[in-house]
Amino acid sequence: MDIRLDSIQIFVSNIEKAKKWYSEVLGMDLIDEDDELKVLHMKLNGMNFYIETPNPKWGQGWDTVKIGGRTQIIFAAADIEQTVKELKQKGARIVEEISKRPWDRYKAVFADPDGNEFNLVESK
């Protein structure tokens, strides 16, 4: 299985305030900004961070995300279909099957035995 850590997702209440804070306080570089989806793509020491304001356009449940309480770990796979198949074979619970997301990437969600959920995206 070819899998690696892809990015960390942090939810914020004010995207402009967050852009200033994450760049000035933590020294993150702004890579891209999506005004419509309210998403900042930032980097720190090579790691991707997505600083976001929850948006109902993303799908069910995203409009109720608690700010300050949900930071996600996102793994990337070269072949998401093969990786999900292998995760299933190894007993991982698939919370969300593979779907194409509004930001033009394929994503699935799997969980560990305690219910901790992890995102899996297909590498670009």
PDB file of N, CA and C in Angstrom:
ATOM      1  N   MET A   1       0.858  -1.179   0.000  1.00  0.00           N
ATOM      2  CA  MET A   1       0.000   0.000   0.000  1.00  0.00           C
ATOM      3  C   MET A   1       0.898   1.234   0.000  1.00  0.00           C
ATOM      4  N   ASP A   2       0.651   2.140  -0.908  1.00  0.00           N
ATOM      5  CA  ASP A   2       1.431   3.381  -1.025  1.00  0.00           C
ATOM      6  C   ASP A   2       0.618   4.517  -0.414  1.00  0.00           C
ATOM      7  N   ILE A   3       0.936   4.885   0.832  1.00  0.00           N
ATOM      8  CA  ILE A   3       0.164   5.910   1.538  1.00  0.00           C
ATOM      9  C   ILE A   3       1.118   6.815   2.309  1.00  0.00           C
ATOM     10  N   ARG A   4       0.779   8.103   2.359  1.00  0.00           N
ATOM     11  CA  ARG A   4       1.614   9.068   3.083  1.00  0.00           C
ATOM     12  C   ARG A   4       0.724  10.157   3.651  1.00  0.00           C
ATOM     13  N   LEU A   5       1.241  10.894   4.611  1.00  0.00           N
ATOM     14  CA  LEU A   5       0.508  12.039   5.150  1.00  0.00           C
ATOM     15  C   LEU A   5       0.496  13.128   4.093  1.00  0.00           C
ATOM     16  N   ASP A   6      -0.683  13.665   3.803  1.00  0.00           N
ATOM     17  CA  ASP A   6      -0.830  14.665   2.749  1.00  0.00           C
ATOM     18  C   ASP A   6      -0.934  16.068   3.306  1.00  0.00           C
ATOM     19  N   SER A   7      -1.794  16.255   4.298  1.00  0.00           N
ATOM     20  CA  SER A   7      -2.051  17.613   4.772  1.00  0.00           C
ATOM     21  C   SER A   7      -2.788  17.590   6.099  1.00  0.00           C
ATOM     22  N   ILE A   8      -2.859  18.754   6.711  1.00  0.00           N
ATOM     23  CA  ILE A   8      -3.610  18.944   7.952  1.00  0.00           C
ATOM     24  C   ILE A   8      -4.639  20.025   7.684  1.00  0.00           C
ATOM     25  N   GLN A   9      -5.868  19.764   8.109  1.00  0.00           N
ATOM     26  CA  GLN A   9      -6.991  20.668   7.867  1.00  0.00           C
ATOM     27  C   GLN A   9      -7.403  21.288   9.200  1.00  0.00           C
ATOM     28  N   ILE A  10      -7.498  22.614   9.225  1.00  0.00           N
ATOM     29  CA  ILE A  10      -7.856  23.330  10.450  1.00  0.00           C
ATOM     30  C   ILE A  10      -9.042  24.232  10.141  1.00  0.00           C
ATOM     31  N   PHE A  11     -10.083  24.132  10.966  1.00  0.00           N
ATOM     32  CA  PHE A  11     -11.286  24.932  10.753  1.00  0.00           C
ATOM     33  C   PHE A  11     -11.255  26.191  11.602  1.00  0.00           C
ATOM     34  N   VAL A  12     -11.610  27.314  10.978  1.00  0.00           N
ATOM     35  CA  VAL A  12     -11.563  28.621  11.635  1.00  0.00           C
ATOM     36  C   VAL A  12     -12.871  29.366  11.389  1.00  0.00           C
ATOM     37  N   SER A  13     -13.123  30.380  12.205  1.00  0.00           N
ATOM     38  CA  SER A  13     -14.360  31.159  12.060  1.00  0.00           C
ATOM     39  C   SER A  13     -14.190  32.354  11.124  1.00  0.00           C
ATOM     40  N   ASN A  14     -12.962  32.856  10.984  1.00  0.00           N
ATOM     41  CA  ASN A  14     -12.725  34.039  10.159  1.00  0.00           C
ATOM     42  C   ASN A  14     -11.481  33.802   9.305  1.00  0.00           C
ATOM     43  N   ILE A  15     -11.686  33.610   8.019  1.00  0.00           N
ATOM     44  CA  ILE A  15     -10.596  33.226   7.124  1.00  0.00           C
ATOM     45  C   ILE A  15      -9.525  34.316   6.992  1.00  0.00           C
ATOM     46  N   GLU A  16      -9.928  35.575   6.970  1.00  0.00           N
ATOM     47  CA  GLU A  16      -8.952  36.672   6.843  1.00  0.00           C
ATOM     48  C   GLU A  16      -8.091  36.802   8.093  1.00  0.00           C
ATOM     49  N   LYS A  17      -8.731  36.693   9.250  1.00  0.00           N
ATOM     50  CA  LYS A  17      -8.002  36.737  10.517  1.00  0.00           C
ATOM     51  C   LYS A  17      -7.025  35.562  10.608  1.00  0.00           C
ATOM     52  N   ALA A  18      -7.498  34.397  10.160  1.00  0.00           N
ATOM     53  CA  ALA A  18      -6.662  33.197  10.200  1.00  0.00           C
ATOM     54  C   ALA A  18      -5.470  33.320   9.255  1.00  0.00           C
ATOM     55  N   LYS A  19      -5.695  33.883   8.075  1.00  0.00           N
ATOM     56  CA  LYS A  19      -4.600  34.050   7.110  1.00  0.00           C
ATOM     57  C   LYS A  19      -3.482  34.881   7.741  1.00  0.00           C
ATOM     58  N   LYS A  20      -3.859  35.950   8.388  1.00  0.00           N
ATOM     59  CA  LYS A  20      -2.884  36.823   9.041  1.00  0.00           C
ATOM     60  C   LYS A  20      -2.181  36.086  10.186  1.00  0.00           C
ATOM     61  N   TRP A  21      -2.941  35.402  11.026  1.00  0.00           N
ATOM     62  CA  TRP A  21      -2.376  34.731  12.189  1.00  0.00           C
ATOM     63  C   TRP A  21      -1.421  33.608  11.780  1.00  0.00           C
ATOM     64  N   TYR A  22      -1.867  32.725  10.882  1.00  0.00           N
ATOM     65  CA  TYR A  22      -1.028  31.585  10.504  1.00  0.00           C
ATOM     66  C   TYR A  22       0.230  32.018   9.752  1.00  0.00           C
ATOM     67  N   SER A  23       0.148  33.110   9.012  1.00  0.00           N
ATOM     68  CA  SER A  23       1.358  33.571   8.320  1.00  0.00           C
ATOM     69  C   SER A  23       2.273  34.344   9.259  1.00  0.00           C
ATOM     70  N   GLU A  24       1.717  35.230  10.068  1.00  0.00           N
ATOM     71  CA  GLU A  24       2.552  36.067  10.939  1.00  0.00           C
ATOM     72  C   GLU A  24       3.030  35.348  12.194  1.00  0.00           C
ATOM     73  N   VAL A  25       2.174  34.556  12.797  1.00  0.00           N
ATOM     74  CA  VAL A  25       2.543  33.897  14.054  1.00  0.00           C
ATOM     75  C   VAL A  25       3.326  32.613  13.811  1.00  0.00           C
ATOM     76  N   LEU A  26       2.845  31.777  12.884  1.00  0.00           N
ATOM     77  CA  LEU A  26       3.519  30.496  12.644  1.00  0.00           C
ATOM     78  C   LEU A  26       4.487  30.528  11.464  1.00  0.00           C
ATOM     79  N   GLY A  27       4.436  31.583  10.677  1.00  0.00           N
ATOM     80  CA  GLY A  27       5.350  31.687   9.549  1.00  0.00           C
ATOM     81  C   GLY A  27       4.977  30.838   8.346  1.00  0.00           C
ATOM     82  N   MET A  28       3.697  30.487   8.213  1.00  0.00           N
ATOM     83  CA  MET A  28       3.254  29.701   7.062  1.00  0.00           C
ATOM     84  C   MET A  28       3.243  30.560   5.807  1.00  0.00           C
ATOM     85  N   ASP A  29       3.539  29.922   4.682  1.00  0.00           N
ATOM     86  CA  ASP A  29       3.484  30.586   3.380  1.00  0.00           C
ATOM     87  C   ASP A  29       2.127  30.322   2.741  1.00  0.00           C
ATOM     88  N   LEU A  30       1.512  31.367   2.192  1.00  0.00           N
ATOM     89  CA  LEU A  30       0.249  31.220   1.477  1.00  0.00           C
ATOM     90  C   LEU A  30       0.549  30.710   0.072  1.00  0.00           C
ATOM     91  N   ILE A  31      -0.017  29.557  -0.268  1.00  0.00           N
ATOM     92  CA  ILE A  31       0.198  28.941  -1.575  1.00  0.00           C
ATOM     93  C   ILE A  31      -0.958  29.262  -2.511  1.00  0.00           C
ATOM     94  N   ASP A  32      -2.182  29.168  -1.989  1.00  0.00           N
ATOM     95  CA  ASP A  32      -3.372  29.402  -2.806  1.00  0.00           C
ATOM     96  C   ASP A  32      -4.519  29.795  -1.892  1.00  0.00           C
ATOM     97  N   GLU A  33      -5.489  30.492  -2.473  1.00  0.00           N
ATOM     98  CA  GLU A  33      -6.654  30.943  -1.712  1.00  0.00           C
ATOM     99  C   GLU A  33      -7.887  30.804  -2.593  1.00  0.00           C
ATOM    100  N   ASP A  34      -8.926  30.158  -2.059  1.00  0.00           N
ATOM    101  CA  ASP A  34     -10.190  30.014  -2.785  1.00  0.00           C
ATOM    102  C   ASP A  34     -11.236  30.836  -2.053  1.00  0.00           C
ATOM    103  N   ASP A  35     -11.554  32.002  -2.607  1.00  0.00           N
ATOM    104  CA  ASP A  35     -12.508  32.907  -1.957  1.00  0.00           C
ATOM    105  C   ASP A  35     -13.907  32.317  -1.890  1.00  0.00           C
ATOM    106  N   GLU A  36     -14.311  31.579  -2.927  1.00  0.00           N
ATOM    107  CA  GLU A  36     -15.659  31.006  -2.949  1.00  0.00           C
ATOM    108  C   GLU A  36     -15.837  29.926  -1.881  1.00  0.00           C
ATOM    109  N   LEU A  37     -14.879  29.010  -1.784  1.00  0.00           N
ATOM    110  CA  LEU A  37     -14.975  27.930  -0.801  1.00  0.00           C
ATOM    111  C   LEU A  37     -14.418  28.318   0.562  1.00  0.00           C
ATOM    112  N   LYS A  38     -13.801  29.492   0.671  1.00  0.00           N
ATOM    113  CA  LYS A  38     -13.204  29.979   1.927  1.00  0.00           C
ATOM    114  C   LYS A  38     -12.134  29.007   2.428  1.00  0.00           C
ATOM    115  N   VAL A  39     -11.141  28.765   1.563  1.00  0.00           N
ATOM    116  CA  VAL A  39     -10.061  27.835   1.875  1.00  0.00           C
ATOM    117  C   VAL A  39      -8.718  28.503   1.587  1.00  0.00           C
ATOM    118  N   LEU A  40      -7.802  28.373   2.539  1.00  0.00           N
ATOM    119  CA  LEU A  40      -6.421  28.806   2.348  1.00  0.00           C
ATOM    120  C   LEU A  40      -5.551  27.560   2.257  1.00  0.00           C
ATOM    121  N   HIS A  41      -4.703  27.473   1.250  1.00  0.00           N
ATOM    122  CA  HIS A  41      -3.700  26.424   1.188  1.00  0.00           C
ATOM    123  C   HIS A  41      -2.401  27.085   1.614  1.00  0.00           C
ATOM    124  N   MET A  42      -1.855  26.614   2.733  1.00  0.00           N
ATOM    125  CA  MET A  42      -0.622  27.183   3.263  1.00  0.00           C
ATOM    126  C   MET A  42       0.388  26.058   3.459  1.00  0.00           C
ATOM    127  N   LYS A  43       1.659  26.436   3.550  1.00  0.00           N
ATOM    128  CA  LYS A  43       2.710  25.445   3.791  1.00  0.00           C
ATOM    129  C   LYS A  43       3.626  25.924   4.898  1.00  0.00           C
ATOM    130  N   LEU A  44       4.102  24.953   5.657  1.00  0.00           N
ATOM    131  CA  LEU A  44       5.088  25.202   6.700  1.00  0.00           C
ATOM    132  C   LEU A  44       6.076  24.047   6.664  1.00  0.00           C
ATOM    133  N   ASN A  45       7.324  24.345   6.363  1.00  0.00           N
ATOM    134  CA  ASN A  45       8.366  23.313   6.297  1.00  0.00           C
ATOM    135  C   ASN A  45       7.972  22.140   5.405  1.00  0.00           C
ATOM    136  N   GLY A  46       7.336  22.434   4.280  1.00  0.00           N
ATOM    137  CA  GLY A  46       6.965  21.390   3.330  1.00  0.00           C
ATOM    138  C   GLY A  46       5.633  20.710   3.586  1.00  0.00           C
ATOM    139  N   MET A  47       5.029  20.931   4.745  1.00  0.00           N
ATOM    140  CA  MET A  47       3.739  20.303   5.063  1.00  0.00           C
ATOM    141  C   MET A  47       2.601  21.196   4.587  1.00  0.00           C
ATOM    142  N   ASN A  48       1.611  20.578   3.956  1.00  0.00           N
ATOM    143  CA  ASN A  48       0.420  21.288   3.497  1.00  0.00           C
ATOM    144  C   ASN A  48      -0.570  21.482   4.637  1.00  0.00           C
ATOM    145  N   PHE A  49      -1.081  22.687   4.758  1.00  0.00           N
ATOM    146  CA  PHE A  49      -2.144  23.003   5.703  1.00  0.00           C
ATOM    147  C   PHE A  49      -3.292  23.620   4.917  1.00  0.00           C
ATOM    148  N   TYR A  50      -4.504  23.181   5.219  1.00  0.00           N
ATOM    149  CA  TYR A  50      -5.697  23.793   4.635  1.00  0.00           C
ATOM    150  C   TYR A  50      -6.456  24.457   5.768  1.00  0.00           C
ATOM    151  N   ILE A  51      -6.489  25.771   5.758  1.00  0.00           N
ATOM    152  CA  ILE A  51      -7.174  26.565   6.773  1.00  0.00           C
ATOM    153  C   ILE A  51      -8.515  26.930   6.150  1.00  0.00           C
ATOM    154  N   GLU A  52      -9.609  26.527   6.801  1.00  0.00           N
ATOM    155  CA  GLU A  52     -10.911  26.614   6.148  1.00  0.00           C
ATOM    156  C   GLU A  52     -12.024  27.079   7.073  1.00  0.00           C
ATOM    157  N   THR A  53     -13.019  27.713   6.473  1.00  0.00           N
ATOM    158  CA  THR A  53     -14.277  28.004   7.145  1.00  0.00           C
ATOM    159  C   THR A  53     -15.267  26.955   6.660  1.00  0.00           C
ATOM    160  N   PRO A  54     -15.899  26.164   7.560  1.00  0.00           N
ATOM    161  CA  PRO A  54     -16.824  25.114   7.121  1.00  0.00           C
ATOM    162  C   PRO A  54     -17.866  25.651   6.142  1.00  0.00           C
ATOM    163  N   ASN A  55     -18.181  24.828   5.148  1.00  0.00           N
ATOM    164  CA  ASN A  55     -19.028  25.268   4.054  1.00  0.00           C
ATOM    165  C   ASN A  55     -20.001  24.157   3.670  1.00  0.00           C
ATOM    166  N   PRO A  56     -21.314  24.420   3.668  1.00  0.00           N
ATOM    167  CA  PRO A  56     -22.284  23.384   3.306  1.00  0.00           C
ATOM    168  C   PRO A  56     -22.129  22.893   1.866  1.00  0.00           C
ATOM    169  N   LYS A  57     -21.410  23.628   1.014  1.00  0.00           N
ATOM    170  CA  LYS A  57     -21.172  23.187  -0.366  1.00  0.00           C
ATOM    171  C   LYS A  57     -20.329  21.917  -0.409  1.00  0.00           C
ATOM    172  N   TRP A  58     -19.604  21.627   0.669  1.00  0.00           N
ATOM    173  CA  TRP A  58     -18.739  20.451   0.700  1.00  0.00           C
ATOM    174  C   TRP A  58     -19.525  19.159   0.839  1.00  0.00           C
ATOM    175  N   GLY A  59     -20.765  19.231   1.319  1.00  0.00           N
ATOM    176  CA  GLY A  59     -21.572  18.033   1.506  1.00  0.00           C
ATOM    177  C   GLY A  59     -22.197  17.996   2.884  1.00  0.00           C
ATOM    178  N   GLN A  60     -22.891  16.918   3.143  1.00  0.00           N
ATOM    179  CA  GLN A  60     -23.644  16.753   4.381  1.00  0.00           C
ATOM    180  C   GLN A  60     -22.742  16.827   5.615  1.00  0.00           C
ATOM    181  N   GLY A  61     -23.171  17.589   6.600  1.00  0.00           N
ATOM    182  CA  GLY A  61     -22.484  17.669   7.879  1.00  0.00           C
ATOM    183  C   GLY A  61     -21.417  18.736   7.996  1.00  0.00           C
ATOM    184  N   TRP A  62     -20.959  19.271   6.870  1.00  0.00           N
ATOM    185  CA  TRP A  62     -19.869  20.241   6.924  1.00  0.00           C
ATOM    186  C   TRP A  62     -20.292  21.592   7.472  1.00  0.00           C
ATOM    187  N   ASP A  63     -21.577  21.891   7.421  1.00  0.00           N
ATOM    188  CA  ASP A  63     -22.038  23.178   7.946  1.00  0.00           C
ATOM    189  C   ASP A  63     -22.170  23.168   9.461  1.00  0.00           C
ATOM    190  N   THR A  64     -22.005  22.001  10.082  1.00  0.00           N
ATOM    191  CA  THR A  64     -22.132  21.899  11.538  1.00  0.00           C
ATOM    192  C   THR A  64     -20.798  21.602  12.225  1.00  0.00           C
ATOM    193  N   VAL A  65     -19.708  21.693  11.490  1.00  0.00           N
ATOM    194  CA  VAL A  65     -18.390  21.438  12.072  1.00  0.00           C
ATOM    195  C   VAL A  65     -18.127  22.439  13.182  1.00  0.00           C
ATOM    196  N   LYS A  66     -17.634  21.930  14.309  1.00  0.00           N
ATOM    197  CA  LYS A  66     -17.322  22.793  15.448  1.00  0.00           C
ATOM    198  C   LYS A  66     -15.972  23.471  15.213  1.00  0.00           C
ATOM    199  N   ILE A  67     -15.986  24.787  15.235  1.00  0.00           N
ATOM    200  CA  ILE A  67     -14.744  25.548  15.101  1.00  0.00           C
ATOM    201  C   ILE A  67     -13.923  25.338  16.368  1.00  0.00           C
ATOM    202  N   GLY A  68     -12.649  25.115  16.203  1.00  0.00           N
ATOM    203  CA  GLY A  68     -11.780  24.929  17.355  1.00  0.00           C
ATOM    204  C   GLY A  68     -11.783  23.516  17.899  1.00  0.00           C
ATOM    205  N   GLY A  69     -12.476  22.597  17.229  1.00  0.00           N
ATOM    206  CA  GLY A  69     -12.523  21.253  17.771  1.00  0.00           C
ATOM    207  C   GLY A  69     -12.252  20.149  16.780  1.00  0.00           C
ATOM    208  N   ARG A  70     -12.155  20.451  15.504  1.00  0.00           N
ATOM    209  CA  ARG A  70     -11.979  19.386  14.524  1.00  0.00           C
ATOM    210  C   ARG A  70     -10.799  19.707  13.618  1.00  0.00           C
ATOM    211  N   THR A  71      -9.690  19.103  13.913  1.00  0.00           N
ATOM    212  CA  THR A  71      -8.521  19.187  13.059  1.00  0.00           C
ATOM    213  C   THR A  71      -8.374  17.822  12.416  1.00  0.00           C
ATOM    214  N   GLN A  72      -8.238  17.773  11.104  1.00  0.00           N
ATOM    215  CA  GLN A  72      -8.231  16.495  10.412  1.00  0.00           C
ATOM    216  C   GLN A  72      -6.839  16.111   9.958  1.00  0.00           C
ATOM    217  N   ILE A  73      -6.601  14.812   9.961  1.00  0.00           N
ATOM    218  CA  ILE A  73      -5.388  14.261   9.383  1.00  0.00           C
ATOM    219  C   ILE A  73      -5.784  13.672   8.042  1.00  0.00           C
ATOM    220  N   ILE A  74      -5.056  14.053   7.000  1.00  0.00           N
ATOM    221  CA  ILE A  74      -5.400  13.644   5.647  1.00  0.00           C
ATOM    222  C   ILE A  74      -4.230  12.869   5.055  1.00  0.00           C
ATOM    223  N   PHE A  75      -4.501  11.635   4.647  1.00  0.00           N
ATOM    224  CA  PHE A  75      -3.505  10.816   3.982  1.00  0.00           C
ATOM    225  C   PHE A  75      -3.739  10.876   2.481  1.00  0.00           C
ATOM    226  N   ALA A  76      -2.677  10.675   1.714  1.00  0.00           N
ATOM    227  CA  ALA A  76      -2.793  10.649   0.259  1.00  0.00           C
ATOM    228  C   ALA A  76      -2.318   9.299  -0.255  1.00  0.00           C
ATOM    229  N   ALA A  77      -2.980   8.818  -1.285  1.00  0.00           N
ATOM    230  CA  ALA A  77      -2.614   7.551  -1.907  1.00  0.00           C
ATOM    231  C   ALA A  77      -2.482   7.766  -3.406  1.00  0.00           C
ATOM    232  N   ALA A  78      -1.506   7.107  -4.007  1.00  0.00           N
ATOM    233  CA  ALA A  78      -1.329   7.214  -5.452  1.00  0.00           C
ATOM    234  C   ALA A  78      -2.538   6.624  -6.174  1.00  0.00           C
ATOM    235  N   ASP A  79      -3.103   5.549  -5.628  1.00  0.00           N
ATOM    236  CA  ASP A  79      -4.274   4.889  -6.214  1.00  0.00           C
ATOM    237  C   ASP A  79      -5.306   4.723  -5.107  1.00  0.00           C
ATOM    238  N   ILE A  80      -6.252   5.650  -5.022  1.00  0.00           N
ATOM    239  CA  ILE A  80      -7.208   5.648  -3.910  1.00  0.00           C
ATOM    240  C   ILE A  80      -8.090   4.400  -3.922  1.00  0.00           C
ATOM    241  N   GLU A  81      -8.470   3.919  -5.104  1.00  0.00           N
ATOM    242  CA  GLU A  81      -9.324   2.728  -5.169  1.00  0.00           C
ATOM    243  C   GLU A  81      -8.603   1.510  -4.609  1.00  0.00           C
ATOM    244  N   GLN A  82      -7.357   1.313  -4.996  1.00  0.00           N
ATOM    245  CA  GLN A  82      -6.579   0.184  -4.497  1.00  0.00           C
ATOM    246  C   GLN A  82      -6.344   0.314  -2.990  1.00  0.00           C
ATOM    247  N   THR A  83      -6.058   1.510  -2.526  1.00  0.00           N
ATOM    248  CA  THR A  83      -5.797   1.717  -1.100  1.00  0.00           C
ATOM    249  C   THR A  83      -7.042   1.451  -0.269  1.00  0.00           C
ATOM    250  N   VAL A  84      -8.207   1.919  -0.713  1.00  0.00           N
ATOM    251  CA  VAL A  84      -9.452   1.651   0.016  1.00  0.00           C
ATOM    252  C   VAL A  84      -9.722   0.149   0.043  1.00  0.00           C
ATOM    253  N   LYS A  85      -9.477  -0.528  -1.059  1.00  0.00           N
ATOM    254  CA  LYS A  85      -9.656  -1.985  -1.119  1.00  0.00           C
ATOM    255  C   LYS A  85      -8.763  -2.671  -0.081  1.00  0.00           C
ATOM    256  N   GLU A  86      -7.500  -2.253  -0.016  1.00  0.00           N
ATOM    257  CA  GLU A  86      -6.568  -2.837   0.951  1.00  0.00           C
ATOM    258  C   GLU A  86      -6.970  -2.512   2.385  1.00  0.00           C
ATOM    259  N   LEU A  87      -7.425  -1.285   2.629  1.00  0.00           N
ATOM    260  CA  LEU A  87      -7.875  -0.918   3.974  1.00  0.00           C
ATOM    261  C   LEU A  87      -9.041  -1.805   4.406  1.00  0.00           C
ATOM    262  N   LYS A  88      -9.988  -2.041   3.503  1.00  0.00           N
ATOM    263  CA  LYS A  88     -11.128  -2.916   3.803  1.00  0.00           C
ATOM    264  C   LYS A  88     -10.650  -4.326   4.119  1.00  0.00           C
ATOM    265  N   GLN A  89      -9.723  -4.838   3.308  1.00  0.00           N
ATOM    266  CA  GLN A  89      -9.194  -6.189   3.512  1.00  0.00           C
ATOM    267  C   GLN A  89      -8.508  -6.324   4.867  1.00  0.00           C
ATOM    268  N   LYS A  90      -7.937  -5.224   5.351  1.00  0.00           N
ATOM    269  CA  LYS A  90      -7.226  -5.248   6.625  1.00  0.00           C
ATOM    270  C   LYS A  90      -8.130  -4.915   7.803  1.00  0.00           C
ATOM    271  N   GLY A  91      -9.424  -4.735   7.536  1.00  0.00           N
ATOM    272  CA  GLY A  91     -10.383  -4.533   8.621  1.00  0.00           C
ATOM    273  C   GLY A  91     -10.702  -3.101   8.977  1.00  0.00           C
ATOM    274  N   ALA A  92     -10.190  -2.144   8.226  1.00  0.00           N
ATOM    275  CA  ALA A  92     -10.532  -0.742   8.517  1.00  0.00           C
ATOM    276  C   ALA A  92     -11.992  -0.505   8.142  1.00  0.00           C
ATOM    277  N   ARG A  93     -12.666   0.283   8.939  1.00  0.00           N
ATOM    278  CA  ARG A  93     -14.057   0.642   8.639  1.00  0.00           C
ATOM    279  C   ARG A  93     -14.036   1.841   7.699  1.00  0.00           C
ATOM    280  N   ILE A  94     -14.721   1.715   6.573  1.00  0.00           N
ATOM    281  CA  ILE A  94     -14.821   2.812   5.616  1.00  0.00           C
ATOM    282  C   ILE A  94     -16.054   3.622   5.995  1.00  0.00           C
ATOM    283  N   VAL A  95     -15.841   4.857   6.401  1.00  0.00           N
ATOM    284  CA  VAL A  95     -16.914   5.742   6.856  1.00  0.00           C
ATOM    285  C   VAL A  95     -17.592   6.399   5.659  1.00  0.00           C
ATOM    286  N   GLU A  96     -16.797   6.824   4.684  1.00  0.00           N
ATOM    287  CA  GLU A  96     -17.319   7.415   3.444  1.00  0.00           C
ATOM    288  C   GLU A  96     -16.596   6.767   2.278  1.00  0.00           C
ATOM    289  N   GLU A  97     -17.374   6.222   1.353  1.00  0.00           N
ATOM    290  CA  GLU A  97     -16.787   5.642   0.147  1.00  0.00           C
ATOM    291  C   GLU A  97     -16.165   6.756  -0.702  1.00  0.00           C
ATOM    292  N   ILE A  98     -15.420   6.373  -1.693  1.00  0.00           N
ATOM    293  CA  ILE A  98     -14.736   7.324  -2.576  1.00  0.00           C
ATOM    294  C   ILE A  98     -15.757   8.190  -3.309  1.00  0.00           C
ATOM    295  N   SER A  99     -15.516   9.489  -3.284  1.00  0.00           N
ATOM    296  CA  SER A  99     -16.367  10.422  -4.034  1.00  0.00           C
ATOM    297  C   SER A  99     -15.511  11.592  -4.509  1.00  0.00           C
ATOM    298  N   LYS A 100     -15.953  12.202  -5.600  1.00  0.00           N
ATOM    299  CA  LYS A 100     -15.253  13.382  -6.104  1.00  0.00           C
ATOM    300  C   LYS A 100     -15.770  14.590  -5.343  1.00  0.00           C
ATOM    301  N   ARG A 101     -14.877  15.365  -4.781  1.00  0.00           N
ATOM    302  CA  ARG A 101     -15.237  16.506  -3.948  1.00  0.00           C
ATOM    303  C   ARG A 101     -15.265  17.792  -4.775  1.00  0.00           C
ATOM    304  N   PRO A 102     -15.900  18.858  -4.257  1.00  0.00           N
ATOM    305  CA  PRO A 102     -15.990  20.120  -4.999  1.00  0.00           C
ATOM    306  C   PRO A 102     -14.632  20.733  -5.343  1.00  0.00           C
ATOM    307  N   TRP A 103     -13.593  20.369  -4.608  1.00  0.00           N
ATOM    308  CA  TRP A 103     -12.259  20.920  -4.877  1.00  0.00           C
ATOM    309  C   TRP A 103     -11.486  20.032  -5.860  1.00  0.00           C
ATOM    310  N   ASP A 104     -12.223  19.166  -6.589  1.00  0.00           N
ATOM    311  CA  ASP A 104     -11.689  18.377  -7.700  1.00  0.00           C
ATOM    312  C   ASP A 104     -10.669  17.324  -7.282  1.00  0.00           C
ATOM    313  N   ARG A 105     -10.885  16.708  -6.133  1.00  0.00           N
ATOM    314  CA  ARG A 105     -10.063  15.577  -5.705  1.00  0.00           C
ATOM    315  C   ARG A 105     -10.984  14.465  -5.256  1.00  0.00           C
ATOM    316  N   TYR A 106     -10.504  13.236  -5.373  1.00  0.00           N
ATOM    317  CA  TYR A 106     -11.266  12.098  -4.878  1.00  0.00           C
ATOM    318  C   TYR A 106     -10.903  11.875  -3.423  1.00  0.00           C
ATOM    319  N   LYS A 107     -11.917  11.563  -2.618  1.00  0.00           N
ATOM    320  CA  LYS A 107     -11.721  11.443  -1.176  1.00  0.00           C
ATOM    321  C   LYS A 107     -12.543  10.285  -0.633  1.00  0.00           C
ATOM    322  N   ALA A 108     -12.010   9.635   0.384  1.00  0.00           N
ATOM    323  CA  ALA A 108     -12.728   8.633   1.168  1.00  0.00           C
ATOM    324  C   ALA A 108     -12.376   8.907   2.629  1.00  0.00           C
ATOM    325  N   VAL A 109     -13.141   8.325   3.529  1.00  0.00           N
ATOM    326  CA  VAL A 109     -12.866   8.475   4.961  1.00  0.00           C
ATOM    327  C   VAL A 109     -12.861   7.080   5.573  1.00  0.00           C
ATOM    328  N   PHE A 110     -11.839   6.776   6.387  1.00  0.00           N
ATOM    329  CA  PHE A 110     -11.786   5.502   7.093  1.00  0.00           C
ATOM    330  C   PHE A 110     -11.574   5.761   8.575  1.00  0.00           C
ATOM    331  N   ALA A 111     -11.842   4.741   9.399  1.00  0.00           N
ATOM    332  CA  ALA A 111     -11.748   4.908  10.854  1.00  0.00           C
ATOM    333  C   ALA A 111     -10.916   3.799  11.474  1.00  0.00           C
ATOM    334  N   ASP A 112     -10.292   4.138  12.598  1.00  0.00           N
ATOM    335  CA  ASP A 112      -9.580   3.138  13.380  1.00  0.00           C
ATOM    336  C   ASP A 112     -10.581   2.442  14.307  1.00  0.00           C
ATOM    337  N   PRO A 113     -10.161   1.437  15.074  1.00  0.00           N
ATOM    338  CA  PRO A 113     -11.105   0.716  15.934  1.00  0.00           C
ATOM    339  C   PRO A 113     -11.797   1.581  16.991  1.00  0.00           C
ATOM    340  N   ASP A 114     -11.200   2.720  17.372  1.00  0.00           N
ATOM    341  CA  ASP A 114     -11.818   3.608  18.355  1.00  0.00           C
ATOM    342  C   ASP A 114     -12.731   4.645  17.726  1.00  0.00           C
ATOM    343  N   GLY A 115     -12.850   4.621  16.407  1.00  0.00           N
ATOM    344  CA  GLY A 115     -13.718   5.581  15.732  1.00  0.00           C
ATOM    345  C   GLY A 115     -13.029   6.858  15.295  1.00  0.00           C
ATOM    346  N   ASN A 116     -11.710   6.950  15.476  1.00  0.00           N
ATOM    347  CA  ASN A 116     -10.985   8.116  14.965  1.00  0.00           C
ATOM    348  C   ASN A 116     -11.006   8.060  13.445  1.00  0.00           C
ATOM    349  N   GLU A 117     -11.470   9.134  12.827  1.00  0.00           N
ATOM    350  CA  GLU A 117     -11.628   9.158  11.380  1.00  0.00           C
ATOM    351  C   GLU A 117     -10.460   9.866  10.700  1.00  0.00           C
ATOM    352  N   PHE A 118     -10.081   9.320   9.551  1.00  0.00           N
ATOM    353  CA  PHE A 118      -8.986   9.866   8.757  1.00  0.00           C
ATOM    354  C   PHE A 118      -9.450  10.028   7.316  1.00  0.00           C
ATOM    355  N   ASN A 119      -9.086  11.137   6.714  1.00  0.00           N
ATOM    356  CA  ASN A 119      -9.392  11.355   5.300  1.00  0.00           C
ATOM    357  C   ASN A 119      -8.306  10.706   4.458  1.00  0.00           C
ATOM    358  N   LEU A 120      -8.716  10.244   3.290  1.00  0.00           N
ATOM    359  CA  LEU A 120      -7.797   9.700   2.306  1.00  0.00           C
ATOM    360  C   LEU A 120      -8.117  10.368   0.980  1.00  0.00           C
ATOM    361  N   VAL A 121      -7.135  11.009   0.373  1.00  0.00           N
ATOM    362  CA  VAL A 121      -7.332  11.655  -0.925  1.00  0.00           C
ATOM    363  C   VAL A 121      -6.385  11.025  -1.933  1.00  0.00           C
ATOM    364  N   GLU A 122      -6.755  11.139  -3.199  1.00  0.00           N
ATOM    365  CA  GLU A 122      -5.865  10.650  -4.240  1.00  0.00           C
ATOM    366  C   GLU A 122      -4.807  11.710  -4.504  1.00  0.00           C
ATOM    367  N   SER A 123      -3.546  11.283  -4.581  1.00  0.00           N
ATOM    368  CA  SER A 123      -2.437  12.205  -4.844  1.00  0.00           C
ATOM    369  C   SER A 123      -2.655  12.905  -6.161  1.00  0.00           C
ATOM    370  N   LYS A 124      -2.223  14.158  -6.212  1.00  0.00           N
ATOM    371  CA  LYS A 124      -2.317  14.909  -7.474  1.00  0.00           C
ATOM    372  C   LYS A 124      -1.133  14.607  -8.340  1.00  0.00           C
TER     373      LYS A 124
END
